[in-house]
Amino acid sequence: MYTDKDFNTKKELKEAVAKFVEVRVYQPNDMFGITAQISQGKHTVSLEGPHYPKPHRWYASADVVDGRVVKVR
């Protein structure tokens, strides 16, 4: 999954979440409706970045509540 903002590093993502910036997640080419399912309730997701076509340089696990990232590991 990706975040709605294109973070270059995992550190940038963690800092944004710590500052209570609204960061949402989505699944590109979401043919199974995963993004819609995650927009309700609490879930743990795997994130990667930066966005394609740049090569992925970071990966993270995150807690998502109602589609919004609340904690990054």
PDB file of N, CA and C in Angstrom:
ATOM      1  N   MET A   1       0.832  -1.167   0.000  1.00  0.00           N
ATOM      2  CA  MET A   1       0.000   0.000   0.000  1.00  0.00           C
ATOM      3  C   MET A   1       0.882   1.237   0.000  1.00  0.00           C
ATOM      4  N   TYR A   2       0.294   2.329  -0.441  1.00  0.00           N
ATOM      5  CA  TYR A   2       0.969   3.621  -0.462  1.00  0.00           C
ATOM      6  C   TYR A   2       0.248   4.599   0.457  1.00  0.00           C
ATOM      7  N   THR A   3       0.954   5.663   0.820  1.00  0.00           N
ATOM      8  CA  THR A   3       0.313   6.768   1.533  1.00  0.00           C
ATOM      9  C   THR A   3      -0.134   7.806   0.505  1.00  0.00           C
ATOM     10  N   ASP A   4      -1.064   8.660   0.894  1.00  0.00           N
ATOM     11  CA  ASP A   4      -1.551   9.667  -0.053  1.00  0.00           C
ATOM     12  C   ASP A   4      -0.497  10.720  -0.363  1.00  0.00           C
ATOM     13  N   LYS A   5       0.491  10.878   0.503  1.00  0.00           N
ATOM     14  CA  LYS A   5       1.617  11.783   0.249  1.00  0.00           C
ATOM     15  C   LYS A   5       2.838  10.928  -0.083  1.00  0.00           C
ATOM     16  N   ASP A   6       3.653  11.382  -0.995  1.00  0.00           N
ATOM     17  CA  ASP A   6       4.814  10.614  -1.448  1.00  0.00           C
ATOM     18  C   ASP A   6       6.023  10.912  -0.567  1.00  0.00           C
ATOM     19  N   PHE A   7       6.162  10.173   0.529  1.00  0.00           N
ATOM     20  CA  PHE A   7       7.290  10.366   1.446  1.00  0.00           C
ATOM     21  C   PHE A   7       8.529   9.694   0.877  1.00  0.00           C
ATOM     22  N   ASN A   8       9.667  10.399   0.916  1.00  0.00           N
ATOM     23  CA  ASN A   8      10.911   9.834   0.403  1.00  0.00           C
ATOM     24  C   ASN A   8      11.561   8.876   1.388  1.00  0.00           C
ATOM     25  N   THR A   9      11.292   9.060   2.681  1.00  0.00           N
ATOM     26  CA  THR A   9      11.872   8.185   3.694  1.00  0.00           C
ATOM     27  C   THR A   9      10.815   7.797   4.723  1.00  0.00           C
ATOM     28  N   LYS A  10      11.080   6.714   5.404  1.00  0.00           N
ATOM     29  CA  LYS A  10      10.205   6.279   6.489  1.00  0.00           C
ATOM     30  C   LYS A  10      10.233   7.298   7.626  1.00  0.00           C
ATOM     31  N   LYS A  11      11.375   7.930   7.822  1.00  0.00           N
ATOM     32  CA  LYS A  11      11.512   8.951   8.859  1.00  0.00           C
ATOM     33  C   LYS A  11      10.550  10.113   8.600  1.00  0.00           C
ATOM     34  N   GLU A  12      10.432  10.555   7.352  1.00  0.00           N
ATOM     35  CA  GLU A  12       9.498  11.631   6.999  1.00  0.00           C
ATOM     36  C   GLU A  12       8.062  11.227   7.334  1.00  0.00           C
ATOM     37  N   LEU A  13       7.713   9.991   7.045  1.00  0.00           N
ATOM     38  CA  LEU A  13       6.375   9.491   7.351  1.00  0.00           C
ATOM     39  C   LEU A  13       6.136   9.510   8.857  1.00  0.00           C
ATOM     40  N   LYS A  14       7.088   8.995   9.631  1.00  0.00           N
ATOM     41  CA  LYS A  14       6.943   8.964  11.089  1.00  0.00           C
ATOM     42  C   LYS A  14       6.798  10.373  11.667  1.00  0.00           C
ATOM     43  N   GLU A  15       7.583  11.321  11.156  1.00  0.00           N
ATOM     44  CA  GLU A  15       7.509  12.702  11.642  1.00  0.00           C
ATOM     45  C   GLU A  15       6.148  13.325  11.336  1.00  0.00           C
ATOM     46  N   ALA A  16       5.615  13.055  10.163  1.00  0.00           N
ATOM     47  CA  ALA A  16       4.302  13.601   9.791  1.00  0.00           C
ATOM     48  C   ALA A  16       3.213  13.039  10.701  1.00  0.00           C
ATOM     49  N   VAL A  17       3.265  11.746  10.980  1.00  0.00           N
ATOM     50  CA  VAL A  17       2.260  11.127  11.852  1.00  0.00           C
ATOM     51  C   VAL A  17       2.399  11.672  13.275  1.00  0.00           C
ATOM     52  N   ALA A  18       3.637  11.868  13.733  1.00  0.00           N
ATOM     53  CA  ALA A  18       3.870  12.412  15.076  1.00  0.00           C
ATOM     54  C   ALA A  18       3.335  13.839  15.211  1.00  0.00           C
ATOM     55  N   LYS A  19       3.334  14.586  14.106  1.00  0.00           N
ATOM     56  CA  LYS A  19       2.824  15.969  14.120  1.00  0.00           C
ATOM     57  C   LYS A  19       1.320  16.018  13.830  1.00  0.00           C
ATOM     58  N   PHE A  20       0.669  14.864  13.812  1.00  0.00           N
ATOM     59  CA  PHE A  20      -0.773  14.744  13.578  1.00  0.00           C
ATOM     60  C   PHE A  20      -1.202  15.241  12.198  1.00  0.00           C
ATOM     61  N   VAL A  21      -0.295  15.145  11.217  1.00  0.00           N
ATOM     62  CA  VAL A  21      -0.669  15.428   9.827  1.00  0.00           C
ATOM     63  C   VAL A  21      -1.549  14.263   9.361  1.00  0.00           C
ATOM     64  N   GLU A  22      -2.641  14.558   8.696  1.00  0.00           N
ATOM     65  CA  GLU A  22      -3.516  13.488   8.231  1.00  0.00           C
ATOM     66  C   GLU A  22      -2.859  12.762   7.065  1.00  0.00           C
ATOM     67  N   VAL A  23      -2.525  11.500   7.294  1.00  0.00           N
ATOM     68  CA  VAL A  23      -1.921  10.657   6.271  1.00  0.00           C
ATOM     69  C   VAL A  23      -2.869   9.490   6.043  1.00  0.00           C
ATOM     70  N   ARG A  24      -3.307   9.338   4.826  1.00  0.00           N
ATOM     71  CA  ARG A  24      -4.222   8.246   4.474  1.00  0.00           C
ATOM     72  C   ARG A  24      -3.505   7.245   3.582  1.00  0.00           C
ATOM     73  N   VAL A  25      -4.061   6.045   3.479  1.00  0.00           N
ATOM     74  CA  VAL A  25      -3.442   4.984   2.687  1.00  0.00           C
ATOM     75  C   VAL A  25      -4.374   4.574   1.549  1.00  0.00           C
ATOM     76  N   TYR A  26      -3.765   3.992   0.516  1.00  0.00           N
ATOM     77  CA  TYR A  26      -4.556   3.451  -0.592  1.00  0.00           C
ATOM     78  C   TYR A  26      -3.777   2.351  -1.278  1.00  0.00           C
ATOM     79  N   GLN A  27      -4.489   1.513  -1.976  1.00  0.00           N
ATOM     80  CA  GLN A  27      -3.908   0.417  -2.744  1.00  0.00           C
ATOM     81  C   GLN A  27      -4.091   0.724  -4.221  1.00  0.00           C
ATOM     82  N   PRO A  28      -2.999   0.933  -4.971  1.00  0.00           N
ATOM     83  CA  PRO A  28      -3.153   1.188  -6.409  1.00  0.00           C
ATOM     84  C   PRO A  28      -3.824  -0.016  -7.100  1.00  0.00           C
ATOM     85  N   ASN A  29      -4.603   0.260  -8.118  1.00  0.00           N
ATOM     86  CA  ASN A  29      -5.303  -0.807  -8.857  1.00  0.00           C
ATOM     87  C   ASN A  29      -6.081  -1.707  -7.902  1.00  0.00           C
ATOM     88  N   ASP A  30      -6.867  -1.109  -7.061  1.00  0.00           N
ATOM     89  CA  ASP A  30      -7.567  -1.801  -5.982  1.00  0.00           C
ATOM     90  C   ASP A  30      -8.785  -2.565  -6.499  1.00  0.00           C
ATOM     91  N   MET A  31      -8.565  -3.697  -7.141  1.00  0.00           N
ATOM     92  CA  MET A  31      -9.667  -4.444  -7.730  1.00  0.00           C
ATOM     93  C   MET A  31     -10.489  -5.229  -6.706  1.00  0.00           C
ATOM     94  N   PHE A  32      -9.993  -5.370  -5.471  1.00  0.00           N
ATOM     95  CA  PHE A  32     -10.731  -6.111  -4.450  1.00  0.00           C
ATOM     96  C   PHE A  32     -11.359  -5.201  -3.399  1.00  0.00           C
ATOM     97  N   GLY A  33     -11.234  -3.892  -3.557  1.00  0.00           N
ATOM     98  CA  GLY A  33     -11.866  -2.956  -2.639  1.00  0.00           C
ATOM     99  C   GLY A  33     -11.208  -2.871  -1.275  1.00  0.00           C
ATOM    100  N   ILE A  34      -9.915  -3.168  -1.215  1.00  0.00           N
ATOM    101  CA  ILE A  34      -9.198  -3.152   0.066  1.00  0.00           C
ATOM    102  C   ILE A  34      -9.190  -1.753   0.672  1.00  0.00           C
ATOM    103  N   THR A  35      -8.981  -0.733  -0.139  1.00  0.00           N
ATOM    104  CA  THR A  35      -8.945   0.641   0.370  1.00  0.00           C
ATOM    105  C   THR A  35     -10.266   0.991   1.047  1.00  0.00           C
ATOM    106  N   ALA A  36     -11.380   0.578   0.480  1.00  0.00           N
ATOM    107  CA  ALA A  36     -12.684   0.854   1.079  1.00  0.00           C
ATOM    108  C   ALA A  36     -12.846   0.123   2.403  1.00  0.00           C
ATOM    109  N   GLN A  37     -12.342  -1.100   2.502  1.00  0.00           N
ATOM    110  CA  GLN A  37     -12.434  -1.865   3.744  1.00  0.00           C
ATOM    111  C   GLN A  37     -11.602  -1.226   4.843  1.00  0.00           C
ATOM    112  N   ILE A  38     -10.441  -0.699   4.491  1.00  0.00           N
ATOM    113  CA  ILE A  38      -9.540  -0.100   5.476  1.00  0.00           C
ATOM    114  C   ILE A  38     -10.065   1.248   5.951  1.00  0.00           C
ATOM    115  N   SER A  39     -10.921   1.864   5.173  1.00  0.00           N
ATOM    116  CA  SER A  39     -11.439   3.181   5.565  1.00  0.00           C
ATOM    117  C   SER A  39     -12.422   3.091   6.731  1.00  0.00           C
ATOM    118  N   GLN A  40     -12.718   1.879   7.183  1.00  0.00           N
ATOM    119  CA  GLN A  40     -13.622   1.691   8.318  1.00  0.00           C
ATOM    120  C   GLN A  40     -12.979   0.756   9.338  1.00  0.00           C
ATOM    121  N   GLY A  41     -12.887   1.206  10.582  1.00  0.00           N
ATOM    122  CA  GLY A  41     -12.343   0.366  11.642  1.00  0.00           C
ATOM    123  C   GLY A  41     -10.841   0.490  11.786  1.00  0.00           C
ATOM    124  N   LYS A  42     -10.263  -0.457  12.559  1.00  0.00           N
ATOM    125  CA  LYS A  42      -8.826  -0.442  12.844  1.00  0.00           C
ATOM    126  C   LYS A  42      -8.159  -1.613  12.127  1.00  0.00           C
ATOM    127  N   HIS A  43      -7.028  -1.328  11.463  1.00  0.00           N
ATOM    128  CA  HIS A  43      -6.312  -2.341  10.699  1.00  0.00           C
ATOM    129  C   HIS A  43      -4.809  -2.108  10.812  1.00  0.00           C
ATOM    130  N   THR A  44      -4.042  -3.146  10.536  1.00  0.00           N
ATOM    131  CA  THR A  44      -2.594  -3.034  10.400  1.00  0.00           C
ATOM    132  C   THR A  44      -2.266  -3.294   8.939  1.00  0.00           C
ATOM    133  N   VAL A  45      -1.474  -2.395   8.344  1.00  0.00           N
ATOM    134  CA  VAL A  45      -1.150  -2.509   6.922  1.00  0.00           C
ATOM    135  C   VAL A  45       0.360  -2.433   6.711  1.00  0.00           C
ATOM    136  N   SER A  46       0.791  -2.888   5.550  1.00  0.00           N
ATOM    137  CA  SER A  46       2.189  -2.755   5.136  1.00  0.00           C
ATOM    138  C   SER A  46       2.262  -1.635   4.112  1.00  0.00           C
ATOM    139  N   LEU A  47       3.222  -0.743   4.308  1.00  0.00           N
ATOM    140  CA  LEU A  47       3.392   0.402   3.409  1.00  0.00           C
ATOM    141  C   LEU A  47       4.745   0.322   2.724  1.00  0.00           C
ATOM    142  N   GLU A  48       4.847   0.992   1.583  1.00  0.00           N
ATOM    143  CA  GLU A  48       6.119   1.072   0.871  1.00  0.00           C
ATOM    144  C   GLU A  48       6.234   2.426   0.206  1.00  0.00           C
ATOM    145  N   GLY A  49       7.460   2.843  -0.013  1.00  0.00           N
ATOM    146  CA  GLY A  49       7.656   4.140  -0.638  1.00  0.00           C
ATOM    147  C   GLY A  49       9.087   4.312  -1.088  1.00  0.00           C
ATOM    148  N   PRO A  50       9.379   5.325  -1.830  1.00  0.00           N
ATOM    149  CA  PRO A  50       8.450   6.291  -2.396  1.00  0.00           C
ATOM    150  C   PRO A  50       7.584   5.652  -3.483  1.00  0.00           C
ATOM    151  N   HIS A  51       6.669   6.416  -4.021  1.00  0.00           N
ATOM    152  CA  HIS A  51       5.712   5.891  -4.996  1.00  0.00           C
ATOM    153  C   HIS A  51       6.389   5.454  -6.293  1.00  0.00           C
ATOM    154  N   TYR A  52       5.770   4.469  -6.940  1.00  0.00           N
ATOM    155  CA  TYR A  52       6.190   4.026  -8.265  1.00  0.00           C
ATOM    156  C   TYR A  52       6.083   5.213  -9.224  1.00  0.00           C
ATOM    157  N   PRO A  53       6.981   5.430 -10.126  1.00  0.00           N
ATOM    158  CA  PRO A  53       8.006   4.551 -10.671  1.00  0.00           C
ATOM    159  C   PRO A  53       9.359   4.646  -9.981  1.00  0.00           C
ATOM    160  N   LYS A  54       9.494   5.472  -8.954  1.00  0.00           N
ATOM    161  CA  LYS A  54      10.756   5.503  -8.212  1.00  0.00           C
ATOM    162  C   LYS A  54      10.935   4.169  -7.499  1.00  0.00           C
ATOM    163  N   PRO A  55      12.167   3.704  -7.351  1.00  0.00           N
ATOM    164  CA  PRO A  55      12.374   2.433  -6.646  1.00  0.00           C
ATOM    165  C   PRO A  55      12.002   2.572  -5.163  1.00  0.00           C
ATOM    166  N   HIS A  56      11.368   1.542  -4.626  1.00  0.00           N
ATOM    167  CA  HIS A  56      11.005   1.565  -3.212  1.00  0.00           C
ATOM    168  C   HIS A  56      12.285   1.463  -2.367  1.00  0.00           C
ATOM    169  N   ARG A  57      12.421   2.388  -1.406  1.00  0.00           N
ATOM    170  CA  ARG A  57      13.593   2.401  -0.536  1.00  0.00           C
ATOM    171  C   ARG A  57      13.226   2.183   0.922  1.00  0.00           C
ATOM    172  N   TRP A  58      11.938   2.221   1.227  1.00  0.00           N
ATOM    173  CA  TRP A  58      11.543   1.976   2.615  1.00  0.00           C
ATOM    174  C   TRP A  58      10.252   1.178   2.659  1.00  0.00           C
ATOM    175  N   TYR A  59      10.098   0.439   3.747  1.00  0.00           N
ATOM    176  CA  TYR A  59       8.907  -0.360   4.008  1.00  0.00           C
ATOM    177  C   TYR A  59       8.538  -0.155   5.472  1.00  0.00           C
ATOM    178  N   ALA A  60       7.252  -0.190   5.766  1.00  0.00           N
ATOM    179  CA  ALA A  60       6.810   0.040   7.142  1.00  0.00           C
ATOM    180  C   ALA A  60       5.514  -0.716   7.402  1.00  0.00           C
ATOM    181  N   SER A  61       5.287  -0.973   8.666  1.00  0.00           N
ATOM    182  CA  SER A  61       4.018  -1.498   9.132  1.00  0.00           C
ATOM    183  C   SER A  61       3.328  -0.344   9.848  1.00  0.00           C
ATOM    184  N   ALA A  62       2.028  -0.202   9.652  1.00  0.00           N
ATOM    185  CA  ALA A  62       1.328   0.939  10.251  1.00  0.00           C
ATOM    186  C   ALA A  62      -0.042   0.523  10.758  1.00  0.00           C
ATOM    187  N   ASP A  63      -0.455   1.168  11.840  1.00  0.00           N
ATOM    188  CA  ASP A  63      -1.813   1.021  12.342  1.00  0.00           C
ATOM    189  C   ASP A  63      -2.658   2.098  11.684  1.00  0.00           C
ATOM    190  N   VAL A  64      -3.803   1.694  11.159  1.00  0.00           N
ATOM    191  CA  VAL A  64      -4.700   2.610  10.458  1.00  0.00           C
ATOM    192  C   VAL A  64      -6.065   2.554  11.134  1.00  0.00           C
ATOM    193  N   VAL A  65      -6.596   3.706  11.495  1.00  0.00           N
ATOM    194  CA  VAL A  65      -7.932   3.799  12.079  1.00  0.00           C
ATOM    195  C   VAL A  65      -8.785   4.666  11.162  1.00  0.00           C
ATOM    196  N   ASP A  66      -9.848   4.077  10.661  1.00  0.00           N
ATOM    197  CA  ASP A  66     -10.762   4.765   9.742  1.00  0.00           C
ATOM    198  C   ASP A  66     -10.019   5.394   8.556  1.00  0.00           C
ATOM    199  N   GLY A  67      -9.042   4.660   8.015  1.00  0.00           N
ATOM    200  CA  GLY A  67      -8.318   5.105   6.839  1.00  0.00           C
ATOM    201  C   GLY A  67      -7.151   6.040   7.108  1.00  0.00           C
ATOM    202  N   ARG A  68      -6.937   6.423   8.356  1.00  0.00           N
ATOM    203  CA  ARG A  68      -5.878   7.382   8.708  1.00  0.00           C
ATOM    204  C   ARG A  68      -4.772   6.678   9.479  1.00  0.00           C
ATOM    205  N   VAL A  69      -3.521   6.924   9.099  1.00  0.00           N
ATOM    206  CA  VAL A  69      -2.370   6.326   9.779  1.00  0.00           C
ATOM    207  C   VAL A  69      -2.223   6.969  11.156  1.00  0.00           C
ATOM    208  N   VAL A  70      -2.175   6.130  12.209  1.00  0.00           N
ATOM    209  CA  VAL A  70      -2.025   6.636  13.566  1.00  0.00           C
ATOM    210  C   VAL A  70      -0.720   6.205  14.225  1.00  0.00           C
ATOM    211  N   LYS A  71      -0.069   5.148  13.696  1.00  0.00           N
ATOM    212  CA  LYS A  71       1.207   4.693  14.257  1.00  0.00           C
ATOM    213  C   LYS A  71       2.000   3.992  13.167  1.00  0.00           C
ATOM    214  N   VAL A  72       3.306   4.247  13.146  1.00  0.00           N
ATOM    215  CA  VAL A  72       4.193   3.650  12.143  1.00  0.00           C
ATOM    216  C   VAL A  72       5.291   2.873  12.860  1.00  0.00           C
ATOM    217  N   ARG A  73       5.561   1.655  12.373  1.00  0.00           N
ATOM    218  CA  ARG A  73       6.650   0.842  12.927  1.00  0.00           C
ATOM    219  C   ARG A  73       7.640   0.530  11.833  1.00  0.00           C
TER     220      ARG A  73
END
